[in-house]
């Protein structure tokens, strides 16, 4: 299964700037952050076409200029023109070292619209209309309600990934997609356990990044920027945008009001209790009362969290654990960027060593299993 991919590189509405600019376009080692992610996507078998959504003219300019990010040879031919009704110029697989088709898409007003309209652009064109039929198409080949008459549209999944994760690797993206079960779930979200991320903490000798976590019964987790989603199967998908808008909101009262409104209207008081336990666990952990934090965590398991979010969004959600850490380390501020800049080479090498260790462990287990037969 190959998934069309939406690479988010926009800077509208709730997007946070770094150094006063679109953070996905900031250069690390001479390469824009979103192109580090684009490079990682090239070697993932599960990835189909890649749609880069952001300021389209700037994205196209950078695609032409930087067609030799890590492992890419220079582009030797101009960008192909867009197909009729297409979103932008296309770098076809095999051009400029890209193995996938890369399409630049103009950003909309906010995150939700960027994902939704780019998703619609991935849909196949309609069959030729019969005489007098198929009128009033609202977006390219799609008209509102088509998904109810076409099971393949209703079930279409796209991979959504942020453009500010320069430490993303092909093997962690592949790990996430290989674990995602689209037969039984409509929305898979990546998460990384604290045990994996401790390596990236600051120490006396080296800078590092320490993250905020979702405290659950099984462990503390950082929700990553990997999403495999069937947009037509999320009834309350507009709440994803609302939550994102409040992500950096400093007024805690607004955050609480939004969350309580969603829970009250769509998930009931069981979810309210879950929310209170999560917040208490986070607060107690923050003030270093871990023994009390663990008490509240015992009531908020992964399964319960999946059920609550599924109820709120009206979908079937699954949390997917990954084991390398790079996709959890996005650039949210100048300090994060400067730290990643200093530690980039070492942290990328660490992830490669983890991959080697995991591969050897799997090999050893396979040999042991064979010998016991």
Protein backbone atom coordinates (compact mmCIF):
# COMPACT_ATOMS: atom_id res chain seq x y z
CA UNK A 1 0.00 0.00 0.00
CA UNK A 2 1.32 3.44 -0.98
CA UNK A 3 -0.03 6.59 0.61
CA UNK A 4 -0.13 10.03 -0.96
CA UNK A 5 1.67 12.33 1.45
CA UNK A 6 0.92 15.88 2.59
CA UNK A 7 4.07 17.64 3.76
CA UNK A 8 3.04 20.72 5.77
CA UNK A 9 5.23 23.77 5.20
CA UNK A 10 2.70 26.57 5.66
CA UNK A 11 2.82 29.69 7.81
CA UNK A 12 -0.78 30.85 8.11
CA UNK A 13 -2.92 31.60 11.19
CA UNK A 14 -1.79 29.47 14.18
CA UNK A 15 1.57 28.48 12.69
CA UNK A 16 4.43 29.59 14.90
CA UNK A 17 7.36 31.48 13.40
CA UNK A 18 10.99 30.94 14.36
CA UNK A 19 13.47 33.79 13.90
CA UNK A 20 10.49 35.73 12.55
CA UNK A 21 10.01 33.46 9.54
CA UNK A 22 8.27 30.30 8.34
CA UNK A 23 10.12 27.65 10.32
CA UNK A 24 9.81 24.98 7.61
CA UNK A 25 11.85 27.21 5.30
CA UNK A 26 14.71 27.87 7.74
CA UNK A 27 17.94 26.33 6.49
CA UNK A 28 19.85 23.75 8.50
CA UNK A 29 23.24 22.90 7.02
CA UNK A 30 22.24 24.88 3.94
CA UNK A 31 18.99 22.95 3.39
CA UNK A 32 15.43 24.10 4.26
CA UNK A 33 13.90 22.08 7.10
CA UNK A 34 11.04 20.76 4.96
CA UNK A 35 13.55 19.35 2.48
CA UNK A 36 15.20 17.31 5.21
CA UNK A 37 11.79 15.68 5.70
CA UNK A 38 11.32 15.42 1.93
CA UNK A 39 14.66 13.63 1.72
CA UNK A 40 13.59 11.08 4.35
CA UNK A 41 10.34 10.39 2.51
CA UNK A 42 12.18 9.39 -0.68
CA UNK A 43 13.32 6.06 0.74
CA UNK A 44 10.01 4.96 2.29
CA UNK A 45 8.29 2.30 0.20
CA UNK A 46 4.88 3.20 1.61
CA UNK A 47 5.03 6.75 0.20
CA UNK A 48 3.31 7.66 -3.09
CA UNK A 49 3.06 11.21 -4.44
CA UNK A 50 4.25 13.98 -2.11
CA UNK A 51 2.28 17.23 -1.92
CA UNK A 52 4.22 20.08 -0.29
CA UNK A 53 1.71 22.68 0.94
CA UNK A 54 2.89 26.17 1.83
CA UNK A 55 3.72 29.41 0.02
CA UNK A 56 3.73 27.76 -3.41
CA UNK A 57 5.99 30.12 -5.34
CA UNK A 58 8.60 29.99 -2.56
CA UNK A 59 8.32 26.20 -2.29
CA UNK A 60 8.83 25.84 -6.04
CA UNK A 61 11.79 28.21 -5.92
CA UNK A 62 13.40 26.15 -3.16
CA UNK A 63 12.68 22.85 -4.92
CA UNK A 64 14.53 24.18 -7.96
CA UNK A 65 17.39 25.60 -5.91
CA UNK A 66 17.87 22.75 -3.45
CA UNK A 67 17.41 19.64 -5.54
CA UNK A 68 20.51 18.16 -3.97
CA UNK A 69 19.65 17.72 -0.29
CA UNK A 70 21.22 14.70 1.44
CA UNK A 71 21.78 11.96 -1.17
CA UNK A 72 20.09 13.96 -3.99
CA UNK A 73 22.00 14.62 -7.24
CA UNK A 74 21.39 18.02 -8.89
CA UNK A 75 18.26 18.60 -10.97
CA UNK A 76 19.18 18.42 -14.65
CA UNK A 77 15.79 19.25 -16.21
CA UNK A 78 13.19 21.95 -15.49
CA UNK A 79 10.12 21.29 -13.40
CA UNK A 80 7.33 19.63 -15.33
CA UNK A 81 4.21 21.78 -15.87
CA UNK A 82 1.14 20.86 -13.82
CA UNK A 83 -1.45 18.57 -15.27
CA UNK A 84 -4.79 20.09 -16.23
CA UNK A 85 -6.52 21.12 -13.02
CA UNK A 86 -3.37 20.29 -11.03
CA UNK A 87 -2.12 22.19 -8.02
CA UNK A 88 1.33 23.16 -9.20
CA UNK A 89 4.49 22.23 -10.99
CA UNK A 90 5.60 18.65 -10.55
CA UNK A 91 9.01 17.14 -9.98
CA UNK A 92 8.49 13.65 -11.35
CA UNK A 93 10.07 10.63 -9.75
CA UNK A 94 13.53 10.18 -11.23
CA UNK A 95 14.11 13.92 -11.81
CA UNK A 96 16.57 15.81 -9.66
CA UNK A 97 17.28 12.69 -7.64
CA UNK A 98 13.70 12.50 -6.36
CA UNK A 99 12.24 9.00 -6.32
CA UNK A 100 8.69 10.27 -5.78
CA UNK A 101 6.55 12.79 -7.61
CA UNK A 102 6.69 16.10 -5.71
CA UNK A 103 3.90 18.66 -6.17
CA UNK A 104 3.85 22.16 -4.68
CA UNK A 105 0.43 23.28 -3.39
CA UNK A 106 -0.63 26.81 -2.44
CA UNK A 107 -1.49 27.12 1.24
CA UNK A 108 -4.94 28.09 2.50
CA UNK A 109 -6.05 30.05 5.58
CA UNK A 110 -5.18 27.49 8.25
CA UNK A 111 -3.91 23.99 8.99
CA UNK A 112 -7.28 22.31 8.54
CA UNK A 113 -7.86 23.88 5.12
CA UNK A 114 -4.30 23.04 4.04
CA UNK A 115 -4.84 19.37 4.80
CA UNK A 116 -8.42 19.19 3.54
CA UNK A 117 -7.89 20.92 0.18
CA UNK A 118 -4.62 19.11 -0.46
CA UNK A 119 -6.35 15.83 0.34
CA UNK A 120 -9.03 16.67 -2.22
CA UNK A 121 -6.26 17.33 -4.76
CA UNK A 122 -5.04 13.76 -4.29
CA UNK A 123 -8.38 12.27 -5.32
CA UNK A 124 -8.58 10.65 -8.75
CA UNK A 125 -10.36 12.62 -11.50
CA UNK A 126 -13.98 11.67 -12.17
CA UNK A 127 -15.05 9.45 -15.02
CA UNK A 128 -16.25 11.36 -18.10
CA UNK A 129 -19.80 12.55 -17.35
CA UNK A 130 -22.78 11.25 -19.19
CA UNK A 131 -24.68 13.75 -21.31
CA UNK A 132 -26.06 16.45 -19.06
CA UNK A 133 -24.60 14.82 -15.94
CA UNK A 134 -21.84 15.40 -13.42
CA UNK A 135 -22.34 19.13 -13.16
CA UNK A 136 -21.44 21.46 -10.33
CA UNK A 137 -18.10 19.96 -9.35
CA UNK A 138 -16.86 21.87 -6.33
CA UNK A 139 -13.17 20.94 -6.30
CA UNK A 140 -11.39 19.39 -9.25
CA UNK A 141 -12.82 15.91 -9.63
CA UNK A 142 -14.64 15.93 -6.29
CA UNK A 143 -18.17 17.05 -5.47
CA UNK A 144 -19.53 17.10 -1.93
CA UNK A 145 -21.06 13.73 -1.12
CA UNK A 146 -19.15 11.69 -3.71
CA UNK A 147 -17.55 9.64 -0.93
CA UNK A 148 -20.92 8.18 0.05
CA UNK A 149 -21.31 6.67 -3.41
CA UNK A 150 -17.70 5.54 -3.77
CA UNK A 151 -16.25 3.27 -1.02
CA UNK A 152 -12.69 3.75 -2.31
CA UNK A 153 -12.98 7.52 -1.74
CA UNK A 154 -14.47 7.07 1.71
CA UNK A 155 -11.63 4.73 2.65
CA UNK A 156 -8.76 6.76 1.15
CA UNK A 157 -5.96 7.45 3.63
CA UNK A 158 -3.25 10.08 3.34
CA UNK A 159 -0.04 10.45 5.32
CA UNK A 160 0.36 13.89 6.89
CA UNK A 161 3.76 14.99 8.16
CA UNK A 162 5.16 18.28 9.47
CA UNK A 163 7.92 20.12 7.64
CA UNK A 164 9.86 21.19 10.74
CA UNK A 165 11.41 17.83 11.72
CA UNK A 166 14.96 17.78 10.31
CA UNK A 167 15.81 14.67 12.36
CA UNK A 168 13.08 12.57 10.71
CA UNK A 169 14.43 9.38 9.14
CA UNK A 170 13.07 7.05 6.51
CA UNK A 171 13.23 4.10 8.91
CA UNK A 172 11.15 5.79 11.64
CA UNK A 173 8.54 6.92 9.11
CA UNK A 174 8.54 3.39 7.70
CA UNK A 175 8.18 1.93 11.20
CA UNK A 176 5.12 4.10 11.84
CA UNK A 177 3.43 3.26 8.54
CA UNK A 178 4.17 -0.47 8.85
CA UNK A 179 2.47 -0.53 12.28
CA UNK A 180 -0.56 1.50 11.17
CA UNK A 181 -3.64 -0.67 10.73
CA UNK A 182 -5.93 1.07 8.25
CA UNK A 183 -8.17 -1.98 8.03
CA UNK A 184 -9.40 -1.42 11.60
CA UNK A 185 -8.61 2.25 12.25
CA UNK A 186 -9.26 5.53 10.46
CA UNK A 187 -6.73 7.75 12.20
CA UNK A 188 -3.26 6.63 13.34
CA UNK A 189 -1.07 9.06 15.28
CA UNK A 190 2.58 8.57 16.14
CA UNK A 191 3.96 8.80 19.67
CA UNK A 192 7.41 8.33 21.20
CA UNK A 193 8.04 7.05 24.76
CA UNK A 194 10.13 9.07 27.19
CA UNK A 195 12.66 6.23 27.44
CA UNK A 196 13.59 6.79 23.79
CA UNK A 197 13.81 10.58 24.15
CA UNK A 198 16.02 10.65 27.24
CA UNK A 199 19.04 10.34 24.95
CA UNK A 200 18.24 13.82 23.59
CA UNK A 201 18.00 15.50 27.02
CA UNK A 202 20.54 18.21 27.93
CA UNK A 203 23.49 17.15 30.07
CA UNK A 204 26.42 18.88 31.72
CA UNK A 205 28.51 18.39 28.59
CA UNK A 206 26.01 18.71 25.75
CA UNK A 207 22.93 20.74 24.87
CA UNK A 208 19.65 18.93 24.43
CA UNK A 209 15.88 19.17 24.30
CA UNK A 210 13.51 18.12 27.07
CA UNK A 211 9.89 17.82 25.97
CA UNK A 212 6.42 17.96 27.51
CA UNK A 213 4.69 14.58 27.63
CA UNK A 214 1.28 12.99 27.70
CA UNK A 215 1.33 11.03 30.97
CA UNK A 216 -0.37 7.67 30.48
CA UNK A 217 -0.48 4.51 32.56
CA UNK A 218 2.02 2.62 30.41
CA UNK A 219 4.57 5.43 30.12
CA UNK A 220 5.08 9.09 29.31
CA UNK A 221 4.71 9.79 25.59
CA UNK A 222 5.44 12.63 23.23
CA UNK A 223 2.85 12.84 20.45
CA UNK A 224 4.80 13.13 17.20
CA UNK A 225 3.97 14.81 13.92
CA UNK A 226 3.10 11.61 12.03
CA UNK A 227 -0.53 11.13 11.02
CA UNK A 228 -2.11 8.51 8.77
CA UNK A 229 -5.70 9.58 8.32
CA UNK A 230 -8.86 8.90 6.35
CA UNK A 231 -10.32 12.44 6.27
CA UNK A 232 -13.79 11.37 5.12
CA UNK A 233 -14.04 9.12 8.19
CA UNK A 234 -13.45 11.83 10.80
CA UNK A 235 -16.85 13.37 11.46
CA UNK A 236 -15.55 16.12 13.78
CA UNK A 237 -12.34 16.85 11.89
CA UNK A 238 -12.72 20.62 12.44
CA UNK A 239 -11.66 20.10 16.07
CA UNK A 240 -8.17 19.17 14.93
CA UNK A 241 -7.74 22.75 13.73
CA UNK A 242 -9.19 24.20 16.95
CA UNK A 243 -6.81 22.19 19.13
CA UNK A 244 -3.87 23.21 16.91
CA UNK A 245 -4.82 26.89 17.17
CA UNK A 246 -4.62 26.66 20.97
CA UNK A 247 -1.38 24.73 20.93
CA UNK A 248 0.72 27.82 21.77
CA UNK A 249 -2.06 29.78 23.43
CA UNK A 250 -0.71 31.35 26.65
CA UNK A 251 -4.11 31.95 28.23
CA UNK A 252 -4.75 28.68 30.07
CA UNK A 253 -8.40 29.65 30.57
CA UNK A 254 -9.01 29.53 26.82
CA UNK A 255 -7.37 26.11 26.55
CA UNK A 256 -9.51 24.73 29.37
CA UNK A 257 -12.69 26.25 27.93
CA UNK A 258 -12.06 24.73 24.52
CA UNK A 259 -11.24 21.28 25.89
CA UNK A 260 -14.20 21.22 28.28
CA UNK A 261 -16.54 22.35 25.51
CA UNK A 262 -15.44 19.52 23.25
CA UNK A 263 -15.67 16.95 26.04
CA UNK A 264 -19.06 18.16 27.29
CA UNK A 265 -20.63 18.26 23.84
CA UNK A 266 -19.14 15.12 22.37
CA UNK A 267 -17.68 12.73 24.93
CA UNK A 268 -19.50 13.06 28.27
CA UNK A 269 -18.33 13.28 31.86
CA UNK A 270 -16.23 10.12 31.67
CA UNK A 271 -14.01 12.04 29.30
CA UNK A 272 -14.05 15.04 31.62
CA UNK A 273 -12.71 12.85 34.41
CA UNK A 274 -10.03 11.52 32.06
CA UNK A 275 -9.03 15.08 31.20
CA UNK A 276 -8.76 16.05 34.88
CA UNK A 277 -6.57 13.03 35.66
CA UNK A 278 -4.27 13.83 32.72
CA UNK A 279 -3.88 17.44 33.83
CA UNK A 280 -3.26 16.48 37.45
CA UNK A 281 -0.61 13.98 36.41
CA UNK A 282 1.12 16.58 34.26
CA UNK A 283 1.01 19.22 37.00
CA UNK A 284 2.36 16.88 39.68
CA UNK A 285 5.11 15.70 37.37
CA UNK A 286 6.01 19.32 36.63
CA UNK A 287 6.49 20.07 40.33
CA UNK A 288 8.51 16.85 40.76
CA UNK A 289 5.90 14.90 42.73
CA UNK A 290 6.26 11.81 40.56
CA UNK A 291 4.82 9.40 43.12
CA UNK A 292 1.54 11.35 43.11
CA UNK A 293 1.67 11.77 39.34
CA UNK A 294 1.86 7.98 38.95
CA UNK A 295 -1.30 7.63 41.04
CA UNK A 296 -3.35 9.63 38.54
CA UNK A 297 -1.62 8.01 35.55
CA UNK A 298 -2.96 4.58 36.51
CA UNK A 299 -6.43 5.72 35.43
CA UNK A 300 -5.41 6.95 31.96
CA UNK A 301 -4.24 4.06 29.82
CA UNK A 302 -3.48 4.14 26.10
CA UNK A 303 -6.70 2.26 25.39
CA UNK A 304 -8.78 4.77 27.34
CA UNK A 305 -7.04 7.70 25.63
CA UNK A 306 -7.73 6.17 22.21
CA UNK A 307 -11.38 5.69 23.11
CA UNK A 308 -11.84 9.26 24.37
CA UNK A 309 -10.27 10.89 21.31
CA UNK A 310 -12.20 8.54 19.03
CA UNK A 311 -15.43 9.68 20.70
CA UNK A 312 -14.53 13.37 20.37
CA UNK A 313 -13.55 13.15 16.70
CA UNK A 314 -16.16 10.50 15.86
CA UNK A 315 -13.64 8.15 14.30
CA UNK A 316 -11.52 5.06 15.10
CA UNK A 317 -8.17 6.23 16.44
CA UNK A 318 -4.98 4.29 17.16
CA UNK A 319 -1.78 5.52 18.81
CA UNK A 320 1.37 4.11 17.17
CA UNK A 321 4.65 3.94 19.07
CA UNK A 322 7.92 4.59 17.25
CA UNK A 323 11.38 3.95 18.64
CA UNK A 324 13.97 6.36 17.23
CA UNK A 325 12.99 9.82 18.45
CA UNK A 326 13.70 12.05 15.45
CA UNK A 327 10.05 12.66 14.55
CA UNK A 328 9.30 13.93 18.07
CA UNK A 329 11.97 16.63 17.89
CA UNK A 330 10.37 19.38 15.84
CA UNK A 331 11.55 23.00 15.76
CA UNK A 332 9.17 25.02 17.94
CA UNK A 333 11.49 27.89 18.86
CA UNK A 334 14.93 29.39 18.30
CA UNK A 335 16.48 27.41 21.17
CA UNK A 336 15.30 24.09 19.70
CA UNK A 337 16.68 25.03 16.30
CA UNK A 338 20.08 26.05 17.68
CA UNK A 339 20.29 22.85 19.73
CA UNK A 340 19.41 20.65 16.75
CA UNK A 341 21.91 22.55 14.62
CA UNK A 342 24.72 21.78 17.09
CA UNK A 343 23.69 18.16 17.71
CA UNK A 344 22.37 17.25 14.25
CA UNK A 345 25.20 14.96 13.15
CA UNK A 346 25.47 13.11 16.47
CA UNK A 347 21.70 12.63 16.78
CA UNK A 348 21.36 11.33 13.24
CA UNK A 349 24.20 8.88 13.87
CA UNK A 350 22.51 7.77 17.10
CA UNK A 351 19.31 6.94 15.23
CA UNK A 352 21.28 4.93 12.68
CA UNK A 353 22.95 2.97 15.48
CA UNK A 354 19.55 2.24 17.03
CA UNK A 355 18.39 0.94 13.66
CA UNK A 356 21.43 -1.35 13.40
CA UNK A 357 20.82 -2.66 16.93
CA UNK A 358 17.15 -3.32 16.22
CA UNK A 359 18.00 -5.10 12.96
CA UNK A 360 20.57 -7.28 14.73
CA UNK A 361 18.09 -8.08 17.50
CA UNK A 362 15.47 -9.16 14.96
CA UNK A 363 18.07 -11.27 13.17
CA UNK A 364 19.15 -12.93 16.43
CA UNK A 365 15.54 -13.68 17.36
CA UNK A 366 14.96 -15.20 13.95
CA UNK A 367 18.03 -17.45 14.31
CA UNK A 368 17.00 -18.49 17.83
CA UNK A 369 13.50 -19.34 16.64
CA UNK A 370 14.90 -21.41 13.78
CA UNK A 371 17.20 -23.34 16.11
CA UNK A 372 14.35 -24.21 18.46
CA UNK A 373 12.24 -25.74 15.67
